[in-house]
Amino acid sequence: MSEYICKAIIYRDFEDVYGPCGCGMDLATLPVLLPRDWVILERPAAVEDDEFGKGFDFRRTSGFTFNNIFEYEMEGVEYLANFSCCVECAERAVATGYAAWSKKSYPMALR
């Protein structure tokens, strides 16, 4: 498998129930920052196959629109916030190589 240049960032410290996970098997409890290119341009095939970060996150909704997606820059890479996944999907994403566990706390600007 090729090396992913931009990886999703998964946070363990801000655990909550954000809605159903994209896999459909569990509730999304871990916040995720997705690389902006994955949403704007194209998701890597493995990410698309796993339905990673595609769940209905309640933080993104405002009425009938999905407009609460925040941009966040970190180490020169632009990310989009208010995405989430379940623990099983997070572990699979890290094992596959398209995501990484964050060593820092979830950014205060995004809470």
C-alpha atoms as a PDB file:
ATOM      1  CA  MET A   1       0.000   0.000   0.000  1.00  0.00           C
ATOM      2  CA  SER A   2       1.289   3.439  -0.821  1.00  0.00           C
ATOM      3  CA  GLU A   3       2.217   5.947   1.855  1.00  0.00           C
ATOM      4  CA  TYR A   4      -0.474   8.551   2.510  1.00  0.00           C
ATOM      5  CA  ILE A   5       0.823  12.111   2.354  1.00  0.00           C
ATOM      6  CA  CYS A   6      -2.068  13.590   4.340  1.00  0.00           C
ATOM      7  CA  LYS A   7      -3.587  11.533   7.119  1.00  0.00           C
ATOM      8  CA  ALA A   8      -6.735  12.051   9.124  1.00  0.00           C
ATOM      9  CA  ILE A   9      -6.114  12.990  12.760  1.00  0.00           C
ATOM     10  CA  ILE A  10      -8.093  11.104  15.422  1.00  0.00           C
ATOM     11  CA  TYR A  11      -8.456  12.440  18.975  1.00  0.00           C
ATOM     12  CA  ARG A  12      -9.043  10.279  22.056  1.00  0.00           C
ATOM     13  CA  ASP A  13      -9.360  13.080  24.610  1.00  0.00           C
ATOM     14  CA  PHE A  14     -12.646  14.641  23.455  1.00  0.00           C
ATOM     15  CA  GLU A  15     -14.793  11.509  23.396  1.00  0.00           C
ATOM     16  CA  ASP A  16     -18.564  12.004  23.141  1.00  0.00           C
ATOM     17  CA  VAL A  17     -21.477  10.662  21.099  1.00  0.00           C
ATOM     18  CA  TYR A  18     -21.516  12.552  17.798  1.00  0.00           C
ATOM     19  CA  GLY A  19     -24.007  10.404  15.869  1.00  0.00           C
ATOM     20  CA  PRO A  20     -23.876   7.197  13.835  1.00  0.00           C
ATOM     21  CA  CYS A  21     -20.522   6.146  12.400  1.00  0.00           C
ATOM     22  CA  GLY A  22     -20.109   5.820   8.644  1.00  0.00           C
ATOM     23  CA  CYS A  23     -19.627   2.059   9.003  1.00  0.00           C
ATOM     24  CA  GLY A  24     -23.187   1.806  10.318  1.00  0.00           C
ATOM     25  CA  MET A  25     -22.193  -0.606  13.064  1.00  0.00           C
ATOM     26  CA  ASP A  26     -21.621   1.710  16.019  1.00  0.00           C
ATOM     27  CA  LEU A  27     -21.930   5.245  17.339  1.00  0.00           C
ATOM     28  CA  ALA A  28     -19.196   7.694  16.416  1.00  0.00           C
ATOM     29  CA  THR A  29     -17.481   8.707  19.651  1.00  0.00           C
ATOM     30  CA  LEU A  30     -14.090  10.026  18.495  1.00  0.00           C
ATOM     31  CA  PRO A  31     -13.614  13.410  16.782  1.00  0.00           C
ATOM     32  CA  VAL A  32     -11.634  13.392  13.537  1.00  0.00           C
ATOM     33  CA  LEU A  33      -9.959  16.066  11.442  1.00  0.00           C
ATOM     34  CA  LEU A  34     -10.106  15.115   7.753  1.00  0.00           C
ATOM     35  CA  PRO A  35      -7.585  16.505   5.268  1.00  0.00           C
ATOM     36  CA  ARG A  36      -9.348  19.159   3.210  1.00  0.00           C
ATOM     37  CA  ASP A  37      -8.238  17.508  -0.040  1.00  0.00           C
ATOM     38  CA  TRP A  38     -10.168  14.344   0.885  1.00  0.00           C
ATOM     39  CA  VAL A  39     -13.422  16.284   0.947  1.00  0.00           C
ATOM     40  CA  ILE A  40     -12.798  18.829  -1.812  1.00  0.00           C
ATOM     41  CA  LEU A  41     -10.838  16.735  -4.335  1.00  0.00           C
ATOM     42  CA  GLU A  42     -10.979  12.975  -3.798  1.00  0.00           C
ATOM     43  CA  ARG A  43     -10.785  10.507  -0.934  1.00  0.00           C
ATOM     44  CA  PRO A  44      -8.179   7.732  -1.153  1.00  0.00           C
ATOM     45  CA  ALA A  45      -9.725   4.411  -2.241  1.00  0.00           C
ATOM     46  CA  ALA A  46      -9.187   2.713   1.144  1.00  0.00           C
ATOM     47  CA  VAL A  47     -10.874   5.610   2.941  1.00  0.00           C
ATOM     48  CA  GLU A  48     -13.827   5.469   0.562  1.00  0.00           C
ATOM     49  CA  ASP A  49     -14.151   1.682   0.920  1.00  0.00           C
ATOM     50  CA  ASP A  50     -14.169   1.896   4.733  1.00  0.00           C
ATOM     51  CA  GLU A  51     -16.745   4.754   4.740  1.00  0.00           C
ATOM     52  CA  PHE A  52     -14.350   6.524   7.131  1.00  0.00           C
ATOM     53  CA  GLY A  53     -15.612   9.872   8.419  1.00  0.00           C
ATOM     54  CA  LYS A  54     -18.887   9.647   6.473  1.00  0.00           C
ATOM     55  CA  GLY A  55     -21.219   9.296   9.438  1.00  0.00           C
ATOM     56  CA  PHE A  56     -23.892  11.837  10.333  1.00  0.00           C
ATOM     57  CA  ASP A  57     -22.093  14.044  12.869  1.00  0.00           C
ATOM     58  CA  PHE A  58     -24.613  16.188  14.760  1.00  0.00           C
ATOM     59  CA  ARG A  59     -22.069  19.031  15.073  1.00  0.00           C
ATOM     60  CA  ARG A  60     -22.201  19.646  11.294  1.00  0.00           C
ATOM     61  CA  THR A  61     -25.925  20.307  11.116  1.00  0.00           C
ATOM     62  CA  SER A  62     -27.766  23.552  11.544  1.00  0.00           C
ATOM     63  CA  GLY A  63     -31.427  23.197  10.746  1.00  0.00           C
ATOM     64  CA  PHE A  64     -31.677  21.390   7.428  1.00  0.00           C
ATOM     65  CA  THR A  65     -28.207  22.286   6.154  1.00  0.00           C
ATOM     66  CA  PHE A  66     -24.774  20.781   6.696  1.00  0.00           C
ATOM     67  CA  ASN A  67     -22.861  24.022   7.068  1.00  0.00           C
ATOM     68  CA  ASN A  68     -20.986  23.712  10.354  1.00  0.00           C
ATOM     69  CA  ILE A  69     -17.729  22.406   8.910  1.00  0.00           C
ATOM     70  CA  PHE A  70     -14.759  24.314  10.262  1.00  0.00           C
ATOM     71  CA  GLU A  71     -11.404  24.714   8.565  1.00  0.00           C
ATOM     72  CA  TYR A  72      -8.313  24.259  10.691  1.00  0.00           C
ATOM     73  CA  GLU A  73      -4.669  24.498   9.659  1.00  0.00           C
ATOM     74  CA  MET A  74      -2.001  22.442  11.381  1.00  0.00           C
ATOM     75  CA  GLU A  75       1.632  22.072  10.301  1.00  0.00           C
ATOM     76  CA  GLY A  76       0.896  23.472   6.846  1.00  0.00           C
ATOM     77  CA  VAL A  77      -1.986  21.085   6.110  1.00  0.00           C
ATOM     78  CA  GLU A  78      -5.607  22.239   5.961  1.00  0.00           C
ATOM     79  CA  TYR A  79      -8.123  20.049   7.778  1.00  0.00           C
ATOM     80  CA  LEU A  80     -11.890  20.068   8.101  1.00  0.00           C
ATOM     81  CA  ALA A  81     -13.446  19.549  11.527  1.00  0.00           C
ATOM     82  CA  ASN A  82     -16.750  18.175  12.822  1.00  0.00           C
ATOM     83  CA  PHE A  83     -16.275  14.664  11.499  1.00  0.00           C
ATOM     84  CA  SER A  84     -16.168  11.573  13.710  1.00  0.00           C
ATOM     85  CA  CYS A  85     -15.847   7.787  13.797  1.00  0.00           C
ATOM     86  CA  CYS A  86     -16.206   4.824  16.141  1.00  0.00           C
ATOM     87  CA  VAL A  87     -13.274   3.218  17.969  1.00  0.00           C
ATOM     88  CA  GLU A  88     -13.204   0.209  15.624  1.00  0.00           C
ATOM     89  CA  CYS A  89     -13.018   2.403  12.509  1.00  0.00           C
ATOM     90  CA  ALA A  90     -10.324   4.534  14.148  1.00  0.00           C
ATOM     91  CA  GLU A  91      -8.193   1.488  14.925  1.00  0.00           C
ATOM     92  CA  ARG A  92      -8.666   0.140  11.374  1.00  0.00           C
ATOM     93  CA  ALA A  93      -7.778   3.540   9.862  1.00  0.00           C
ATOM     94  CA  VAL A  94      -4.569   3.781  11.890  1.00  0.00           C
ATOM     95  CA  ALA A  95      -3.634   0.169  11.072  1.00  0.00           C
ATOM     96  CA  THR A  96      -4.295   0.774   7.357  1.00  0.00           C
ATOM     97  CA  GLY A  97      -2.173   3.921   7.438  1.00  0.00           C
ATOM     98  CA  TYR A  98      -4.531   6.687   6.363  1.00  0.00           C
ATOM     99  CA  ALA A  99      -5.070   8.076   9.882  1.00  0.00           C
ATOM    100  CA  ALA A 100      -3.002   8.732  12.982  1.00  0.00           C
ATOM    101  CA  TRP A 101      -3.747   9.167  16.675  1.00  0.00           C
ATOM    102  CA  SER A 102      -3.138  12.710  17.866  1.00  0.00           C
ATOM    103  CA  LYS A 103      -0.561  13.243  20.563  1.00  0.00           C
ATOM    104  CA  LYS A 104      -2.172  16.605  21.396  1.00  0.00           C
ATOM    105  CA  SER A 105      -5.562  17.565  22.795  1.00  0.00           C
ATOM    106  CA  TYR A 106      -8.485  18.445  20.543  1.00  0.00           C
ATOM    107  CA  PRO A 107      -8.016  22.116  19.526  1.00  0.00           C
ATOM    108  CA  MET A 108      -9.895  24.572  21.732  1.00  0.00           C
ATOM    109  CA  ALA A 109     -10.823  26.662  18.679  1.00  0.00           C
ATOM    110  CA  LEU A 110     -12.921  23.743  17.382  1.00  0.00           C
ATOM    111  CA  ARG A 111     -14.809  22.887  20.569  1.00  0.00           C
END
